[in-house]
N, C-alpha and C. Protein backbone atom coordinates (compact mmCIF):
# COMPACT_ATOMS: atom_id res chain seq x y z
N UNK A 1 102.02 107.27 114.95
CA UNK A 1 102.21 108.14 113.81
C UNK A 1 101.08 109.17 113.82
N UNK A 2 101.45 110.41 113.57
CA UNK A 2 100.47 111.49 113.51
C UNK A 2 100.42 112.08 112.10
N UNK A 3 99.39 112.85 111.84
CA UNK A 3 99.32 113.51 110.54
C UNK A 3 100.47 114.49 110.36
N UNK A 4 100.89 115.13 111.43
CA UNK A 4 102.03 116.06 111.35
C UNK A 4 103.30 115.30 110.96
N UNK A 5 103.49 114.11 111.48
CA UNK A 5 104.66 113.30 111.12
C UNK A 5 104.60 112.87 109.66
N UNK A 6 103.41 112.51 109.19
CA UNK A 6 103.24 112.13 107.79
C UNK A 6 103.55 113.34 106.90
N UNK A 7 103.05 114.51 107.26
CA UNK A 7 103.31 115.72 106.48
C UNK A 7 104.81 116.03 106.44
N UNK A 8 105.48 115.93 107.56
CA UNK A 8 106.93 116.18 107.61
C UNK A 8 107.68 115.18 106.73
N UNK A 9 107.28 113.91 106.79
CA UNK A 9 107.91 112.87 105.96
C UNK A 9 107.69 113.18 104.48
N UNK A 10 106.48 113.57 104.12
CA UNK A 10 106.17 113.90 102.73
C UNK A 10 107.04 115.05 102.23
N UNK A 11 107.17 116.08 103.05
CA UNK A 11 108.00 117.21 102.65
C UNK A 11 109.45 116.78 102.45
N UNK A 12 109.96 115.97 103.35
CA UNK A 12 111.35 115.50 103.28
C UNK A 12 111.59 114.68 102.02
N UNK A 13 110.61 113.87 101.62
CA UNK A 13 110.77 112.94 100.49
C UNK A 13 110.08 113.45 99.21
N UNK A 14 109.59 114.68 99.23
CA UNK A 14 108.90 115.25 98.07
C UNK A 14 107.80 114.30 97.60
N UNK A 15 107.03 113.83 98.56
CA UNK A 15 106.00 112.83 98.29
C UNK A 15 104.61 113.41 98.50
N UNK A 16 103.66 112.81 97.83
CA UNK A 16 102.25 113.09 98.05
C UNK A 16 101.61 111.80 98.53
N UNK A 17 100.77 111.89 99.54
CA UNK A 17 100.04 110.72 100.01
C UNK A 17 98.57 111.08 100.16
N UNK A 18 97.75 110.04 100.07
CA UNK A 18 96.32 110.18 100.28
C UNK A 18 95.87 109.00 101.12
N UNK A 19 95.29 109.28 102.26
CA UNK A 19 94.78 108.21 103.12
C UNK A 19 93.43 107.74 102.64
N UNK A 20 93.27 106.43 102.57
CA UNK A 20 92.02 105.84 102.09
C UNK A 20 91.39 105.05 103.23
N UNK A 21 90.14 105.37 103.53
CA UNK A 21 89.41 104.67 104.59
C UNK A 21 88.54 103.57 104.02
N UNK A 22 87.71 103.02 104.84
CA UNK A 22 86.82 101.94 104.42
C UNK A 22 85.84 102.43 103.37
N UNK A 23 86.19 102.19 102.10
CA UNK A 23 85.29 102.52 101.00
C UNK A 23 85.18 104.00 100.70
N UNK A 24 86.02 104.85 101.29
CA UNK A 24 85.94 106.28 101.00
C UNK A 24 87.30 106.93 101.20
N UNK A 25 87.50 108.01 100.48
CA UNK A 25 88.71 108.79 100.67
C UNK A 25 88.55 109.63 101.93
N UNK A 26 89.60 109.75 102.70
CA UNK A 26 89.57 110.53 103.94
C UNK A 26 89.76 112.00 103.59
N UNK A 27 88.76 112.81 103.84
CA UNK A 27 88.85 114.24 103.55
C UNK A 27 89.13 115.04 104.82
N UNK A 28 88.50 114.65 105.92
CA UNK A 28 88.75 115.31 107.20
C UNK A 28 89.71 114.46 108.01
N UNK A 29 90.30 115.03 109.02
CA UNK A 29 91.30 114.29 109.79
C UNK A 29 90.63 113.30 110.75
N UNK A 30 90.59 112.04 110.36
CA UNK A 30 90.03 111.01 111.23
C UNK A 30 91.14 110.44 112.11
N UNK A 31 90.80 109.44 112.87
CA UNK A 31 91.81 108.69 113.60
C UNK A 31 92.71 107.99 112.58
N UNK A 32 93.99 107.89 112.90
CA UNK A 32 94.90 107.20 111.98
C UNK A 32 94.48 105.74 111.79
N UNK A 33 93.82 105.16 112.77
CA UNK A 33 93.35 103.78 112.67
C UNK A 33 92.26 103.62 111.62
N UNK A 34 91.61 104.71 111.22
CA UNK A 34 90.55 104.64 110.21
C UNK A 34 91.11 104.51 108.80
N UNK A 35 92.41 104.75 108.64
CA UNK A 35 93.01 104.69 107.31
C UNK A 35 93.42 103.25 107.01
N UNK A 36 92.85 102.71 105.95
CA UNK A 36 93.11 101.32 105.57
C UNK A 36 94.41 101.19 104.80
N UNK A 37 94.67 102.14 103.90
CA UNK A 37 95.94 102.16 103.18
C UNK A 37 96.23 103.57 102.71
N UNK A 38 97.43 103.77 102.23
CA UNK A 38 97.86 105.07 101.74
C UNK A 38 98.24 104.95 100.27
N UNK A 39 97.81 105.91 99.47
CA UNK A 39 98.31 106.03 98.10
C UNK A 39 99.51 106.94 98.17
N UNK A 40 100.65 106.44 97.76
CA UNK A 40 101.92 107.14 97.87
C UNK A 40 102.44 107.46 96.47
N UNK A 41 102.83 108.71 96.24
CA UNK A 41 103.39 109.12 94.94
C UNK A 41 104.64 109.95 95.18
N UNK A 42 105.72 109.53 94.53
CA UNK A 42 106.99 110.27 94.58
C UNK A 42 107.46 110.40 93.13
N UNK A 43 107.48 111.62 92.63
CA UNK A 43 107.84 111.82 91.23
C UNK A 43 106.85 111.10 90.32
N UNK A 44 107.37 110.31 89.37
CA UNK A 44 106.49 109.58 88.45
C UNK A 44 106.17 108.17 88.95
N UNK A 45 106.60 107.83 90.15
CA UNK A 45 106.33 106.53 90.74
C UNK A 45 105.18 106.64 91.73
N UNK A 46 104.28 105.67 91.72
CA UNK A 46 103.21 105.65 92.72
C UNK A 46 102.81 104.21 93.02
N UNK A 47 102.35 104.01 94.23
CA UNK A 47 101.89 102.70 94.66
C UNK A 47 101.10 102.89 95.95
N UNK A 48 100.26 101.92 96.29
CA UNK A 48 99.58 101.97 97.58
C UNK A 48 100.46 101.28 98.62
N UNK A 49 100.30 101.67 99.86
CA UNK A 49 101.05 101.06 100.96
C UNK A 49 100.12 100.84 102.14
N UNK A 50 100.37 99.81 102.88
CA UNK A 50 99.57 99.54 104.07
C UNK A 50 99.86 100.60 105.12
N UNK A 51 98.95 100.72 106.08
CA UNK A 51 99.18 101.64 107.18
C UNK A 51 100.43 101.30 107.96
N UNK A 52 100.70 100.00 108.13
CA UNK A 52 101.88 99.60 108.90
C UNK A 52 103.17 99.91 108.15
N UNK A 53 103.19 99.71 106.82
CA UNK A 53 104.38 100.06 106.04
C UNK A 53 104.60 101.57 106.03
N UNK A 54 103.51 102.33 105.92
CA UNK A 54 103.64 103.79 105.95
C UNK A 54 104.19 104.24 107.29
N UNK A 55 103.72 103.63 108.36
CA UNK A 55 104.20 103.97 109.69
C UNK A 55 105.70 103.67 109.83
N UNK A 56 106.14 102.53 109.27
CA UNK A 56 107.57 102.19 109.30
C UNK A 56 108.40 103.21 108.52
N UNK A 57 107.89 103.64 107.37
CA UNK A 57 108.64 104.62 106.58
C UNK A 57 108.70 105.96 107.29
N UNK A 58 107.59 106.40 107.85
CA UNK A 58 107.57 107.68 108.57
C UNK A 58 108.51 107.64 109.78
N UNK A 59 108.59 106.49 110.44
CA UNK A 59 109.46 106.33 111.62
C UNK A 59 110.93 106.15 111.23
N UNK A 60 111.22 106.00 109.94
CA UNK A 60 112.60 105.82 109.50
C UNK A 60 113.10 104.40 109.61
N UNK A 61 112.19 103.45 109.82
CA UNK A 61 112.57 102.05 109.96
C UNK A 61 112.51 101.30 108.63
N UNK A 62 111.95 101.94 107.61
CA UNK A 62 111.85 101.36 106.27
C UNK A 62 112.06 102.49 105.28
N UNK A 63 113.00 102.31 104.37
CA UNK A 63 113.23 103.32 103.34
C UNK A 63 112.25 103.13 102.19
N UNK A 64 112.10 104.14 101.37
CA UNK A 64 111.25 104.01 100.19
C UNK A 64 111.81 102.92 99.29
N UNK A 65 113.13 102.90 99.10
CA UNK A 65 113.74 101.85 98.27
C UNK A 65 113.52 100.47 98.89
N UNK A 66 113.59 100.38 100.21
CA UNK A 66 113.31 99.12 100.88
C UNK A 66 111.88 98.68 100.65
N UNK A 67 110.95 99.63 100.70
CA UNK A 67 109.55 99.31 100.42
C UNK A 67 109.40 98.84 98.98
N UNK A 68 110.02 99.56 98.04
CA UNK A 68 109.91 99.19 96.63
C UNK A 68 110.44 97.78 96.40
N UNK A 69 111.47 97.37 97.14
CA UNK A 69 112.06 96.05 96.93
C UNK A 69 111.12 94.93 97.36
N UNK A 70 110.09 95.23 98.14
CA UNK A 70 109.14 94.20 98.57
C UNK A 70 108.02 93.99 97.56
N UNK A 71 107.94 94.84 96.55
CA UNK A 71 106.84 94.77 95.60
C UNK A 71 107.11 93.71 94.54
N UNK A 72 106.05 93.09 94.07
CA UNK A 72 106.18 92.11 92.99
C UNK A 72 106.74 92.78 91.76
N UNK A 73 107.63 92.08 91.08
CA UNK A 73 108.20 92.60 89.86
C UNK A 73 109.33 93.58 90.08
N UNK A 74 109.72 93.81 91.35
CA UNK A 74 110.83 94.71 91.59
C UNK A 74 112.14 93.99 91.30
N UNK A 75 113.13 94.76 90.92
CA UNK A 75 114.42 94.15 90.59
C UNK A 75 115.39 94.39 91.71
């Protein structure tokens, strides 16, 4: 997964994401491996996601609704 792929996915899904590294927000483009999790926001919904789940969503192997269904308290 590249930053360009994440940007394209965000545009397609009208999403905002923020990569979070070890104890700090990522401001410059680091290695994707440096990102511990992603803060994902789509409309009024937001949640954090692991790097592996974000990679699955960007690759089209996991939908946003599929991701939401894995969360506690989801219906």
